[in-house]
N, C-alpha and C. Protein backbone atom coordinates (compact mmCIF):
# COMPACT_ATOMS: atom_id res chain seq x y z
N UNK A 1 43.28 -59.58 -166.66
CA UNK A 1 42.86 -59.52 -168.06
C UNK A 1 42.54 -58.08 -168.43
N UNK A 2 43.00 -57.66 -169.60
CA UNK A 2 42.87 -56.26 -169.99
C UNK A 2 41.43 -55.92 -170.38
N UNK A 3 41.13 -54.63 -170.26
CA UNK A 3 39.82 -54.15 -170.67
C UNK A 3 39.60 -54.37 -172.16
N UNK A 4 40.65 -54.18 -172.95
CA UNK A 4 40.54 -54.42 -174.40
C UNK A 4 40.18 -55.87 -174.68
N UNK A 5 40.81 -56.79 -173.96
CA UNK A 5 40.54 -58.22 -174.18
C UNK A 5 39.10 -58.56 -173.81
N UNK A 6 38.63 -58.00 -172.69
CA UNK A 6 37.25 -58.27 -172.26
C UNK A 6 36.24 -57.75 -173.30
N UNK A 7 36.50 -56.56 -173.84
CA UNK A 7 35.61 -56.02 -174.86
C UNK A 7 35.60 -56.91 -176.10
N UNK A 8 36.78 -57.35 -176.51
CA UNK A 8 36.89 -58.21 -177.69
C UNK A 8 36.17 -59.54 -177.45
N UNK A 9 36.38 -60.13 -176.27
CA UNK A 9 35.74 -61.40 -175.94
C UNK A 9 34.23 -61.27 -175.90
N UNK A 10 33.73 -60.16 -175.34
CA UNK A 10 32.28 -59.94 -175.29
C UNK A 10 31.69 -59.83 -176.68
N UNK A 11 32.41 -59.17 -177.57
CA UNK A 11 31.93 -59.03 -178.95
C UNK A 11 31.80 -60.40 -179.62
N UNK A 12 32.77 -61.28 -179.36
CA UNK A 12 32.73 -62.63 -179.93
C UNK A 12 31.55 -63.41 -179.37
N UNK A 13 31.38 -63.37 -178.04
CA UNK A 13 30.29 -64.11 -177.40
C UNK A 13 28.93 -63.63 -177.89
N UNK A 14 28.74 -62.33 -177.94
CA UNK A 14 27.46 -61.78 -178.39
C UNK A 14 27.20 -62.12 -179.85
N UNK A 15 28.26 -62.29 -180.62
CA UNK A 15 28.11 -62.66 -182.02
C UNK A 15 27.64 -64.07 -182.23
N UNK A 16 27.78 -64.93 -181.18
CA UNK A 16 27.36 -66.32 -181.29
C UNK A 16 25.96 -66.56 -180.74
N UNK A 17 25.22 -65.51 -180.45
CA UNK A 17 23.89 -65.68 -179.87
C UNK A 17 22.95 -66.52 -180.72
N UNK A 18 23.14 -66.48 -182.03
CA UNK A 18 22.24 -67.21 -182.92
C UNK A 18 22.86 -68.51 -183.44
N UNK A 19 23.93 -68.95 -182.76
CA UNK A 19 24.61 -70.16 -183.20
C UNK A 19 23.68 -71.38 -183.11
N UNK A 20 23.41 -72.03 -184.25
CA UNK A 20 22.47 -73.16 -184.26
C UNK A 20 22.99 -74.33 -183.46
N UNK A 21 24.27 -74.60 -183.56
CA UNK A 21 24.84 -75.72 -182.83
C UNK A 21 24.66 -75.60 -181.33
N UNK A 22 24.65 -74.39 -180.83
CA UNK A 22 24.47 -74.16 -179.41
C UNK A 22 23.09 -74.62 -178.97
N UNK A 23 22.05 -74.24 -179.68
CA UNK A 23 20.70 -74.65 -179.33
C UNK A 23 20.54 -76.16 -179.43
N UNK A 24 21.12 -76.77 -180.45
CA UNK A 24 21.03 -78.21 -180.61
C UNK A 24 21.65 -78.92 -179.41
N UNK A 25 22.75 -78.38 -178.90
CA UNK A 25 23.40 -78.99 -177.75
C UNK A 25 22.53 -78.84 -176.50
N UNK A 26 21.98 -77.68 -176.31
CA UNK A 26 21.17 -77.43 -175.12
C UNK A 26 19.91 -78.29 -175.12
N UNK A 27 19.39 -78.61 -176.29
CA UNK A 27 18.20 -79.47 -176.36
C UNK A 27 18.40 -80.80 -175.65
N UNK A 28 19.64 -81.24 -175.52
CA UNK A 28 19.94 -82.52 -174.88
C UNK A 28 19.72 -82.49 -173.37
N UNK A 29 19.72 -81.30 -172.80
CA UNK A 29 19.53 -81.20 -171.35
C UNK A 29 18.25 -80.45 -170.99
N UNK A 30 17.42 -80.15 -171.98
CA UNK A 30 16.20 -79.37 -171.72
C UNK A 30 15.28 -80.01 -170.67
N UNK A 31 15.08 -81.34 -170.68
CA UNK A 31 14.21 -81.91 -169.65
C UNK A 31 14.69 -81.61 -168.23
N UNK A 32 16.01 -81.61 -168.02
CA UNK A 32 16.55 -81.30 -166.70
C UNK A 32 16.40 -79.81 -166.38
N UNK A 33 16.66 -78.96 -167.37
CA UNK A 33 16.55 -77.51 -167.15
C UNK A 33 15.13 -77.10 -166.81
N UNK A 34 14.16 -77.68 -167.49
CA UNK A 34 12.77 -77.29 -167.31
C UNK A 34 12.22 -77.67 -165.93
N UNK A 35 12.88 -78.61 -165.25
CA UNK A 35 12.41 -79.06 -163.94
C UNK A 35 13.12 -78.37 -162.78
N UNK A 36 14.04 -77.47 -163.08
CA UNK A 36 14.82 -76.85 -162.02
C UNK A 36 13.95 -75.97 -161.12
N UNK A 37 14.37 -75.89 -159.86
CA UNK A 37 13.69 -75.03 -158.89
C UNK A 37 14.68 -74.60 -157.83
N UNK A 38 14.31 -73.60 -157.07
CA UNK A 38 15.16 -73.15 -155.98
C UNK A 38 16.33 -72.32 -156.46
N UNK A 39 17.48 -72.52 -155.85
CA UNK A 39 18.68 -71.75 -156.13
C UNK A 39 19.49 -72.42 -157.23
N UNK A 40 19.72 -71.69 -158.31
CA UNK A 40 20.41 -72.22 -159.48
C UNK A 40 21.61 -71.34 -159.80
N UNK A 41 22.75 -71.95 -160.01
CA UNK A 41 23.98 -71.24 -160.33
C UNK A 41 24.45 -71.64 -161.73
N UNK A 42 24.79 -70.64 -162.54
CA UNK A 42 25.39 -70.91 -163.85
C UNK A 42 26.84 -70.44 -163.84
N UNK A 43 27.72 -71.30 -164.33
CA UNK A 43 29.14 -70.99 -164.45
C UNK A 43 29.40 -70.41 -165.83
N UNK A 44 29.97 -69.21 -165.90
CA UNK A 44 30.27 -68.61 -167.20
C UNK A 44 29.02 -68.37 -168.01
N UNK A 45 28.20 -67.42 -167.58
CA UNK A 45 26.88 -67.21 -168.20
C UNK A 45 26.97 -66.61 -169.59
N UNK A 46 28.10 -66.03 -169.94
CA UNK A 46 28.24 -65.43 -171.27
C UNK A 46 27.22 -64.33 -171.48
N UNK A 47 26.46 -64.43 -172.56
CA UNK A 47 25.46 -63.41 -172.89
C UNK A 47 24.12 -63.64 -172.20
N UNK A 48 24.00 -64.76 -171.46
CA UNK A 48 22.75 -65.06 -170.77
C UNK A 48 21.74 -65.79 -171.62
N UNK A 49 22.18 -66.37 -172.73
CA UNK A 49 21.20 -67.01 -173.62
C UNK A 49 20.63 -68.32 -173.08
N UNK A 50 21.15 -68.82 -171.96
CA UNK A 50 20.55 -70.01 -171.35
C UNK A 50 19.28 -69.67 -170.59
N UNK A 51 19.11 -68.41 -170.20
CA UNK A 51 18.01 -68.03 -169.32
C UNK A 51 16.64 -68.35 -169.90
N UNK A 52 16.50 -68.29 -171.20
CA UNK A 52 15.19 -68.54 -171.80
C UNK A 52 14.74 -69.99 -171.65
N UNK A 53 15.66 -70.87 -171.26
CA UNK A 53 15.31 -72.28 -171.07
C UNK A 53 15.00 -72.61 -169.61
N UNK A 54 15.13 -71.65 -168.71
CA UNK A 54 14.98 -71.92 -167.28
C UNK A 54 13.62 -71.47 -166.76
N UNK A 55 13.09 -72.13 -165.73
CA UNK A 55 11.82 -71.71 -165.15
C UNK A 55 11.93 -70.30 -164.58
N UNK A 56 10.86 -69.53 -164.68
CA UNK A 56 10.88 -68.13 -164.27
C UNK A 56 10.94 -67.97 -162.75
N UNK A 57 10.56 -69.00 -161.99
CA UNK A 57 10.46 -68.84 -160.53
C UNK A 57 11.73 -69.24 -159.79
N UNK A 58 12.82 -69.50 -160.48
CA UNK A 58 14.06 -69.87 -159.80
C UNK A 58 14.76 -68.62 -159.25
N UNK A 59 15.68 -68.85 -158.33
CA UNK A 59 16.59 -67.81 -157.85
C UNK A 59 17.91 -68.03 -158.60
N UNK A 60 18.17 -67.18 -159.56
CA UNK A 60 19.29 -67.38 -160.50
C UNK A 60 20.51 -66.58 -160.09
N UNK A 61 21.64 -67.28 -159.97
CA UNK A 61 22.93 -66.64 -159.74
C UNK A 61 23.86 -67.08 -160.86
N UNK A 62 24.68 -66.17 -161.34
CA UNK A 62 25.66 -66.56 -162.35
C UNK A 62 27.00 -65.93 -162.04
N UNK A 63 28.04 -66.62 -162.46
CA UNK A 63 29.40 -66.10 -162.38
C UNK A 63 29.85 -65.78 -163.79
N UNK A 64 30.10 -64.51 -164.06
CA UNK A 64 30.56 -64.07 -165.37
C UNK A 64 31.61 -62.97 -165.16
N UNK A 65 32.89 -63.29 -165.36
CA UNK A 65 33.94 -62.30 -165.09
C UNK A 65 33.97 -61.12 -166.04
N UNK A 66 33.33 -61.25 -167.20
CA UNK A 66 33.38 -60.19 -168.20
C UNK A 66 32.21 -59.22 -168.00
N UNK A 67 32.51 -58.02 -167.49
CA UNK A 67 31.44 -57.07 -167.17
C UNK A 67 30.71 -56.58 -168.42
N UNK A 68 31.32 -56.72 -169.58
CA UNK A 68 30.69 -56.26 -170.81
C UNK A 68 29.58 -57.21 -171.29
N UNK A 69 29.39 -58.30 -170.56
CA UNK A 69 28.29 -59.22 -170.86
C UNK A 69 27.15 -59.10 -169.85
N UNK A 70 27.35 -58.35 -168.79
CA UNK A 70 26.36 -58.30 -167.72
C UNK A 70 25.04 -57.67 -168.16
N UNK A 71 25.09 -56.63 -168.99
CA UNK A 71 23.85 -56.01 -169.46
C UNK A 71 23.03 -57.00 -170.29
N UNK A 72 23.72 -57.80 -171.09
CA UNK A 72 23.02 -58.80 -171.89
C UNK A 72 22.35 -59.85 -171.01
N UNK A 73 23.02 -60.25 -169.93
CA UNK A 73 22.44 -61.21 -169.00
C UNK A 73 21.17 -60.64 -168.37
N UNK A 74 21.23 -59.39 -167.95
CA UNK A 74 20.05 -58.75 -167.35
C UNK A 74 18.89 -58.67 -168.35
N UNK A 75 19.21 -58.33 -169.59
CA UNK A 75 18.18 -58.25 -170.63
C UNK A 75 17.53 -59.59 -170.85
N UNK A 76 18.34 -60.66 -170.92
CA UNK A 76 17.80 -62.00 -171.14
C UNK A 76 16.96 -62.46 -169.95
N UNK A 77 17.34 -62.06 -168.75
CA UNK A 77 16.56 -62.41 -167.56
C UNK A 77 15.18 -61.77 -167.61
N UNK A 78 15.12 -60.52 -168.02
CA UNK A 78 13.83 -59.82 -168.16
C UNK A 78 12.96 -60.53 -169.19
N UNK A 79 13.54 -60.89 -170.32
CA UNK A 79 12.79 -61.60 -171.36
C UNK A 79 12.22 -62.92 -170.84
N UNK A 80 13.01 -63.60 -169.99
CA UNK A 80 12.61 -64.91 -169.48
C UNK A 80 11.68 -64.82 -168.28
N UNK A 81 11.47 -63.61 -167.78
CA UNK A 81 10.59 -63.42 -166.63
C UNK A 81 11.23 -63.82 -165.32
N UNK A 82 12.54 -63.92 -165.29
CA UNK A 82 13.26 -64.29 -164.06
C UNK A 82 13.61 -63.01 -163.32
N UNK A 83 13.05 -62.85 -162.14
CA UNK A 83 13.23 -61.59 -161.40
C UNK A 83 14.32 -61.69 -160.33
N UNK A 84 14.59 -62.89 -159.85
CA UNK A 84 15.62 -63.08 -158.83
C UNK A 84 16.95 -63.38 -159.53
N UNK A 85 17.76 -62.34 -159.74
CA UNK A 85 18.99 -62.48 -160.52
C UNK A 85 20.15 -61.86 -159.75
N UNK A 86 21.23 -62.62 -159.64
CA UNK A 86 22.44 -62.16 -158.97
C UNK A 86 23.63 -62.44 -159.89
N UNK A 87 24.25 -61.40 -160.41
CA UNK A 87 25.39 -61.54 -161.32
C UNK A 87 26.67 -61.26 -160.55
N UNK A 88 27.58 -62.21 -160.56
CA UNK A 88 28.83 -62.08 -159.83
C UNK A 88 29.98 -61.92 -160.81
N UNK A 89 30.73 -60.83 -160.65
CA UNK A 89 31.95 -60.64 -161.43
C UNK A 89 33.08 -61.30 -160.66
N UNK A 90 33.41 -62.51 -161.05
CA UNK A 90 34.45 -63.26 -160.34
C UNK A 90 34.85 -64.45 -161.17
N UNK A 91 35.54 -65.36 -160.54
CA UNK A 91 35.97 -66.57 -161.23
C UNK A 91 35.36 -67.79 -160.56
N UNK A 92 35.15 -68.83 -161.34
CA UNK A 92 34.56 -70.05 -160.81
C UNK A 92 35.52 -70.80 -159.90
N UNK A 93 36.82 -70.53 -160.04
CA UNK A 93 37.80 -71.19 -159.19
C UNK A 93 37.71 -70.71 -157.74
N UNK A 94 37.26 -69.46 -157.56
CA UNK A 94 37.12 -68.87 -156.23
C UNK A 94 35.74 -68.20 -156.15
N UNK A 95 34.73 -69.02 -155.97
CA UNK A 95 33.36 -68.53 -156.05
C UNK A 95 32.98 -67.59 -154.92
N UNK A 96 33.45 -67.85 -153.71
CA UNK A 96 33.03 -67.06 -152.58
C UNK A 96 31.57 -67.21 -152.25
N UNK A 97 31.00 -68.36 -152.59
CA UNK A 97 29.58 -68.64 -152.34
C UNK A 97 29.46 -69.67 -151.22
N UNK A 98 28.33 -69.70 -150.51
CA UNK A 98 28.20 -70.59 -149.34
C UNK A 98 28.16 -72.07 -149.70
N UNK A 99 28.59 -72.89 -148.77
CA UNK A 99 28.53 -74.35 -148.93
C UNK A 99 27.08 -74.82 -148.96
N UNK A 100 26.83 -75.89 -149.69
CA UNK A 100 25.55 -76.60 -149.65
C UNK A 100 24.36 -75.68 -149.85
N UNK A 101 24.46 -74.77 -150.81
CA UNK A 101 23.44 -73.73 -151.00
C UNK A 101 22.59 -73.93 -152.25
N UNK A 102 23.19 -74.41 -153.34
CA UNK A 102 22.49 -74.44 -154.62
C UNK A 102 21.85 -75.81 -154.89
N UNK A 103 20.65 -75.73 -155.45
CA UNK A 103 19.95 -76.95 -155.87
C UNK A 103 20.53 -77.50 -157.17
N UNK A 104 21.07 -76.61 -158.00
CA UNK A 104 21.64 -77.04 -159.27
C UNK A 104 22.72 -76.06 -159.71
N UNK A 105 23.72 -76.59 -160.39
CA UNK A 105 24.76 -75.79 -161.05
C UNK A 105 24.78 -76.20 -162.51
N UNK A 106 24.90 -75.21 -163.39
CA UNK A 106 24.89 -75.46 -164.84
C UNK A 106 26.17 -74.93 -165.46
N UNK A 107 26.73 -75.69 -166.38
CA UNK A 107 27.88 -75.22 -167.16
C UNK A 107 27.65 -75.58 -168.61
N UNK A 108 27.66 -74.57 -169.47
CA UNK A 108 27.52 -74.78 -170.91
C UNK A 108 28.81 -74.31 -171.59
N UNK A 109 29.62 -75.24 -171.98
CA UNK A 109 30.90 -74.98 -172.66
C UNK A 109 31.75 -73.95 -171.91
N UNK A 110 31.82 -74.10 -170.59
CA UNK A 110 32.61 -73.18 -169.78
C UNK A 110 33.83 -73.85 -169.15
N UNK A 111 33.79 -75.15 -168.94
CA UNK A 111 34.88 -75.83 -168.25
C UNK A 111 36.16 -75.89 -169.07
N UNK A 112 36.07 -75.58 -170.35
CA UNK A 112 37.26 -75.59 -171.20
C UNK A 112 38.18 -74.42 -170.91
N UNK A 113 37.67 -73.38 -170.29
CA UNK A 113 38.44 -72.14 -170.14
C UNK A 113 38.74 -71.80 -168.68
N UNK A 114 38.66 -72.81 -167.81
CA UNK A 114 38.95 -72.61 -166.39
C UNK A 114 39.88 -73.72 -165.91
N UNK A 115 40.31 -73.62 -164.65
CA UNK A 115 41.00 -74.74 -164.01
C UNK A 115 39.91 -75.76 -163.67
N UNK A 116 39.72 -76.71 -164.56
CA UNK A 116 38.53 -77.57 -164.51
C UNK A 116 38.43 -78.35 -163.21
N UNK A 117 39.50 -78.96 -162.78
CA UNK A 117 39.45 -79.77 -161.57
C UNK A 117 39.12 -78.91 -160.35
N UNK A 118 39.69 -77.73 -160.29
CA UNK A 118 39.39 -76.84 -159.16
C UNK A 118 37.95 -76.38 -159.18
N UNK A 119 37.44 -76.05 -160.36
CA UNK A 119 36.05 -75.60 -160.48
C UNK A 119 35.09 -76.72 -160.12
N UNK A 120 35.37 -77.94 -160.52
CA UNK A 120 34.50 -79.07 -160.18
C UNK A 120 34.42 -79.26 -158.66
N UNK A 121 35.52 -79.04 -157.97
CA UNK A 121 35.48 -79.14 -156.50
C UNK A 121 34.65 -78.02 -155.90
N UNK A 122 34.73 -76.83 -156.50
CA UNK A 122 33.90 -75.72 -156.05
C UNK A 122 32.42 -76.00 -156.29
N UNK A 123 32.12 -76.59 -157.44
CA UNK A 123 30.73 -76.94 -157.75
C UNK A 123 30.19 -77.92 -156.71
N UNK A 124 30.97 -78.93 -156.39
CA UNK A 124 30.53 -79.89 -155.37
C UNK A 124 30.33 -79.20 -154.02
N UNK A 125 31.20 -78.27 -153.70
CA UNK A 125 31.11 -77.59 -152.42
C UNK A 125 29.82 -76.79 -152.27
N UNK A 126 29.43 -76.06 -153.32
CA UNK A 126 28.27 -75.17 -153.21
C UNK A 126 26.94 -75.89 -153.44
N UNK A 127 26.98 -77.10 -153.99
CA UNK A 127 25.74 -77.86 -154.20
C UNK A 127 25.21 -78.42 -152.88
N UNK A 128 23.89 -78.41 -152.76
CA UNK A 128 23.27 -79.11 -151.64
C UNK A 128 23.46 -80.62 -151.81
N UNK A 129 23.42 -81.37 -150.73
CA UNK A 129 23.42 -82.84 -150.87
C UNK A 129 22.29 -83.28 -151.79
N UNK A 130 22.62 -84.07 -152.78
CA UNK A 130 21.63 -84.49 -153.76
C UNK A 130 21.43 -83.50 -154.89
N UNK A 131 22.13 -82.37 -154.83
CA UNK A 131 22.01 -81.36 -155.88
C UNK A 131 22.57 -81.83 -157.21
N UNK A 132 22.19 -81.11 -158.28
CA UNK A 132 22.51 -81.53 -159.64
C UNK A 132 23.55 -80.61 -160.28
N UNK A 133 24.48 -81.22 -160.99
CA UNK A 133 25.38 -80.49 -161.87
C UNK A 133 25.02 -80.89 -163.30
N UNK A 134 24.52 -79.93 -164.07
CA UNK A 134 24.05 -80.18 -165.44
C UNK A 134 25.03 -79.51 -166.40
N UNK A 135 25.44 -80.22 -167.43
CA UNK A 135 26.51 -79.69 -168.27
C UNK A 135 26.38 -80.10 -169.74
N UNK A 136 26.92 -79.23 -170.59
CA UNK A 136 27.20 -79.52 -171.99
C UNK A 136 28.59 -78.94 -172.25
N UNK A 137 29.52 -79.77 -172.66
CA UNK A 137 30.89 -79.31 -172.86
C UNK A 137 31.46 -79.93 -174.13
N UNK A 138 32.43 -79.23 -174.73
CA UNK A 138 33.18 -79.88 -175.81
C UNK A 138 34.42 -80.51 -175.22
N UNK A 139 34.87 -81.61 -175.83
CA UNK A 139 35.95 -82.40 -175.26
C UNK A 139 36.98 -82.73 -176.34
N UNK A 140 38.15 -83.15 -175.88
CA UNK A 140 39.22 -83.52 -176.79
C UNK A 140 38.82 -84.73 -177.63
N UNK A 141 39.38 -84.80 -178.80
CA UNK A 141 39.15 -85.95 -179.69
C UNK A 141 39.85 -87.19 -179.14
N UNK A 142 39.54 -88.33 -179.70
CA UNK A 142 40.15 -89.59 -179.29
C UNK A 142 41.66 -89.52 -179.43
N UNK A 143 42.34 -90.00 -178.40
CA UNK A 143 43.81 -89.94 -178.38
C UNK A 143 44.41 -90.60 -179.62
N UNK A 144 45.31 -89.88 -180.28
CA UNK A 144 45.99 -90.41 -181.46
C UNK A 144 45.29 -90.13 -182.77
N UNK A 145 44.06 -89.60 -182.71
CA UNK A 145 43.34 -89.29 -183.94
C UNK A 145 43.89 -88.01 -184.55
N UNK A 146 43.63 -87.75 -185.84
CA UNK A 146 44.12 -86.50 -186.46
C UNK A 146 43.65 -85.26 -185.72
N UNK A 147 42.37 -85.24 -185.29
CA UNK A 147 41.86 -84.07 -184.58
C UNK A 147 42.53 -83.91 -183.22
N UNK A 148 42.87 -85.02 -182.57
CA UNK A 148 43.57 -84.96 -181.29
C UNK A 148 44.91 -84.23 -181.46
N UNK A 149 45.64 -84.56 -182.52
CA UNK A 149 46.92 -83.89 -182.78
C UNK A 149 46.69 -82.40 -183.06
N UNK A 150 45.64 -82.08 -183.81
CA UNK A 150 45.34 -80.68 -184.10
C UNK A 150 45.03 -79.93 -182.80
N UNK A 151 44.23 -80.54 -181.94
CA UNK A 151 43.90 -79.92 -180.65
C UNK A 151 45.16 -79.57 -179.86
N UNK A 152 46.12 -80.49 -179.85
CA UNK A 152 47.33 -80.26 -179.07
C UNK A 152 48.28 -79.26 -179.73
N UNK A 153 48.20 -79.14 -181.02
CA UNK A 153 49.03 -78.16 -181.72
C UNK A 153 48.50 -76.75 -181.50
N UNK A 154 47.18 -76.61 -181.51
CA UNK A 154 46.59 -75.26 -181.45
C UNK A 154 46.16 -74.84 -180.05
N UNK A 155 46.30 -75.70 -179.07
CA UNK A 155 45.67 -75.43 -177.76
C UNK A 155 46.11 -74.12 -177.15
N UNK A 156 47.38 -73.77 -177.23
CA UNK A 156 47.85 -72.54 -176.58
C UNK A 156 47.46 -71.28 -177.36
N UNK A 157 47.70 -71.23 -178.69
CA UNK A 157 47.19 -70.06 -179.41
C UNK A 157 45.67 -69.96 -179.38
N UNK A 158 44.99 -71.10 -179.36
CA UNK A 158 43.53 -71.11 -179.30
C UNK A 158 43.05 -70.52 -177.98
N UNK A 159 43.74 -70.82 -176.88
CA UNK A 159 43.36 -70.27 -175.58
C UNK A 159 43.47 -68.75 -175.58
N UNK A 160 44.47 -68.22 -176.28
CA UNK A 160 44.64 -66.79 -176.34
C UNK A 160 43.58 -66.12 -177.20
N UNK A 161 43.22 -66.78 -178.31
CA UNK A 161 42.30 -66.18 -179.27
C UNK A 161 40.84 -66.42 -178.91
N UNK A 162 40.56 -67.47 -178.16
CA UNK A 162 39.17 -67.85 -177.88
C UNK A 162 38.83 -67.73 -176.40
N UNK A 163 39.31 -66.68 -175.77
CA UNK A 163 38.93 -66.38 -174.39
C UNK A 163 39.26 -67.51 -173.43
N UNK A 164 40.44 -68.11 -173.60
CA UNK A 164 40.92 -69.11 -172.65
C UNK A 164 40.53 -70.53 -172.96
N UNK A 165 39.81 -70.78 -174.02
CA UNK A 165 39.32 -72.12 -174.33
C UNK A 165 40.44 -73.07 -174.73
N UNK A 166 40.54 -74.21 -174.05
CA UNK A 166 41.52 -75.25 -174.36
C UNK A 166 40.80 -76.43 -175.00
N UNK A 167 40.96 -76.65 -176.30
CA UNK A 167 40.21 -77.72 -176.97
C UNK A 167 40.74 -79.12 -176.68
N UNK A 168 41.88 -79.23 -175.99
CA UNK A 168 42.51 -80.53 -175.76
C UNK A 168 42.16 -81.13 -174.40
N UNK A 169 41.20 -80.56 -173.68
CA UNK A 169 40.84 -81.06 -172.36
C UNK A 169 39.95 -82.30 -172.45
N UNK A 170 40.25 -83.27 -171.61
CA UNK A 170 39.41 -84.46 -171.49
C UNK A 170 38.41 -84.21 -170.35
N UNK A 171 37.47 -83.32 -170.62
CA UNK A 171 36.57 -82.84 -169.57
C UNK A 171 35.67 -83.93 -169.02
N UNK A 172 35.23 -84.84 -169.87
CA UNK A 172 34.37 -85.93 -169.40
C UNK A 172 35.06 -86.79 -168.36
N UNK A 173 36.31 -87.08 -168.58
CA UNK A 173 37.09 -87.86 -167.60
C UNK A 173 37.19 -87.12 -166.28
N UNK A 174 37.42 -85.81 -166.35
CA UNK A 174 37.54 -85.01 -165.14
C UNK A 174 36.24 -85.01 -164.34
N UNK A 175 35.11 -84.87 -165.03
CA UNK A 175 33.82 -84.88 -164.34
C UNK A 175 33.57 -86.24 -163.69
N UNK A 176 33.87 -87.30 -164.42
CA UNK A 176 33.63 -88.66 -163.93
C UNK A 176 34.46 -88.99 -162.69
N UNK A 177 35.61 -88.33 -162.57
CA UNK A 177 36.53 -88.63 -161.46
C UNK A 177 36.59 -87.50 -160.43
N UNK A 178 35.58 -86.63 -160.42
CA UNK A 178 35.59 -85.49 -159.50
C UNK A 178 34.99 -85.82 -158.14
N UNK A 179 34.44 -87.02 -157.98
CA UNK A 179 33.90 -87.41 -156.69
C UNK A 179 32.41 -87.22 -156.52
N UNK A 180 31.67 -87.03 -157.62
CA UNK A 180 30.22 -86.98 -157.53
C UNK A 180 29.68 -88.38 -157.20
N UNK A 181 28.52 -88.44 -156.57
CA UNK A 181 27.96 -89.74 -156.19
C UNK A 181 27.51 -90.55 -157.41
N UNK A 182 27.08 -89.85 -158.45
CA UNK A 182 26.66 -90.51 -159.69
C UNK A 182 26.84 -89.55 -160.85
N UNK A 183 27.32 -90.05 -161.96
CA UNK A 183 27.54 -89.24 -163.15
C UNK A 183 26.94 -89.94 -164.36
N UNK A 184 26.13 -89.22 -165.13
CA UNK A 184 25.59 -89.73 -166.38
C UNK A 184 26.08 -88.84 -167.51
N UNK A 185 26.81 -89.42 -168.45
CA UNK A 185 27.39 -88.66 -169.55
C UNK A 185 27.04 -89.31 -170.88
N UNK A 186 26.66 -88.48 -171.84
CA UNK A 186 26.39 -88.94 -173.20
C UNK A 186 27.27 -88.17 -174.17
N UNK A 187 27.98 -88.86 -175.02
CA UNK A 187 28.80 -88.21 -176.02
C UNK A 187 28.04 -88.02 -177.32
N UNK A 188 28.36 -86.96 -178.04
CA UNK A 188 27.75 -86.71 -179.34
C UNK A 188 28.66 -85.82 -180.15
N UNK A 189 28.42 -85.75 -181.45
CA UNK A 189 29.23 -84.93 -182.34
C UNK A 189 28.39 -83.82 -182.96
N UNK A 190 29.07 -82.73 -183.30
CA UNK A 190 28.43 -81.62 -183.99
C UNK A 190 29.17 -81.39 -185.32
N UNK A 191 28.70 -80.41 -186.07
CA UNK A 191 29.37 -80.07 -187.32
C UNK A 191 30.45 -79.02 -187.14
N UNK A 192 30.77 -78.69 -185.88
CA UNK A 192 31.88 -77.77 -185.60
C UNK A 192 33.18 -78.54 -185.67
N UNK A 193 34.17 -78.01 -186.38
CA UNK A 193 35.39 -78.79 -186.59
C UNK A 193 36.21 -78.92 -185.31
N UNK A 194 36.63 -77.81 -184.74
CA UNK A 194 37.48 -77.86 -183.55
C UNK A 194 36.70 -78.40 -182.36
N UNK A 195 35.46 -77.97 -182.18
CA UNK A 195 34.63 -78.41 -181.05
C UNK A 195 33.64 -79.48 -181.48
N UNK A 196 34.08 -80.39 -182.32
CA UNK A 196 33.20 -81.42 -182.88
C UNK A 196 32.67 -82.36 -181.81
N UNK A 197 33.54 -82.82 -180.94
CA UNK A 197 33.15 -83.83 -179.94
C UNK A 197 32.66 -83.15 -178.67
N UNK A 198 31.47 -83.54 -178.23
CA UNK A 198 30.87 -82.90 -177.06
C UNK A 198 30.27 -83.96 -176.13
N UNK A 199 30.00 -83.53 -174.93
CA UNK A 199 29.32 -84.38 -173.96
C UNK A 199 28.19 -83.58 -173.33
N UNK A 200 27.15 -84.27 -172.94
CA UNK A 200 26.09 -83.67 -172.13
C UNK A 200 25.81 -84.64 -170.99
N UNK A 201 25.29 -84.10 -169.91
CA UNK A 201 24.99 -85.02 -168.83
C UNK A 201 24.61 -84.34 -167.55
N UNK A 202 24.56 -85.16 -166.51
CA UNK A 202 24.16 -84.70 -165.19
C UNK A 202 24.95 -85.47 -164.16
N UNK A 203 25.39 -84.78 -163.12
CA UNK A 203 26.10 -85.39 -162.02
C UNK A 203 25.38 -85.04 -160.73
N UNK A 204 25.36 -85.97 -159.80
CA UNK A 204 24.66 -85.79 -158.53
C UNK A 204 25.67 -85.71 -157.39
N UNK A 205 25.48 -84.73 -156.51
CA UNK A 205 26.37 -84.63 -155.35
C UNK A 205 26.09 -85.76 -154.38
């Protein structure tokens, strides 16, 4: 990925820091986030705006391939009082992290822009037995609906313009069939047109 593209993508992400819909979505998993402890991994940390919802005493690791977002992550960690911070410039498909290490993994609208099935297997690998995968993702519309057709028409140009995001992914189905011991998923809608349909939930290794 080019340096120009990374700079452009970072500018877009930082511009969404005050997005109201984002906070509304995160509110659905706040009880789980507030109880986290130990080693916590976030996939695709973006600008680091999730950090303010996490306990200050956790050991926080994040994977964020865009180096132009790393300073923002560090700033948000300081604001949140989180001192144990490890930022990895890499991809979630090839984490290079130890097996059975993390108490929790978090993904907030990140699975749309990766090889989802491969990343889910990586998440299972790095989670401790009984560890939690907490997520909020946008998902494809119901098959055959007008929005479903729009998702499939725009998916490739959208991936180019929106930092790899594929709006036509059935992410909930992928999570449910990834081999977790238990999966709890709740669907909900937002006022965002393309990313209208979303899911939140928790999966247990």
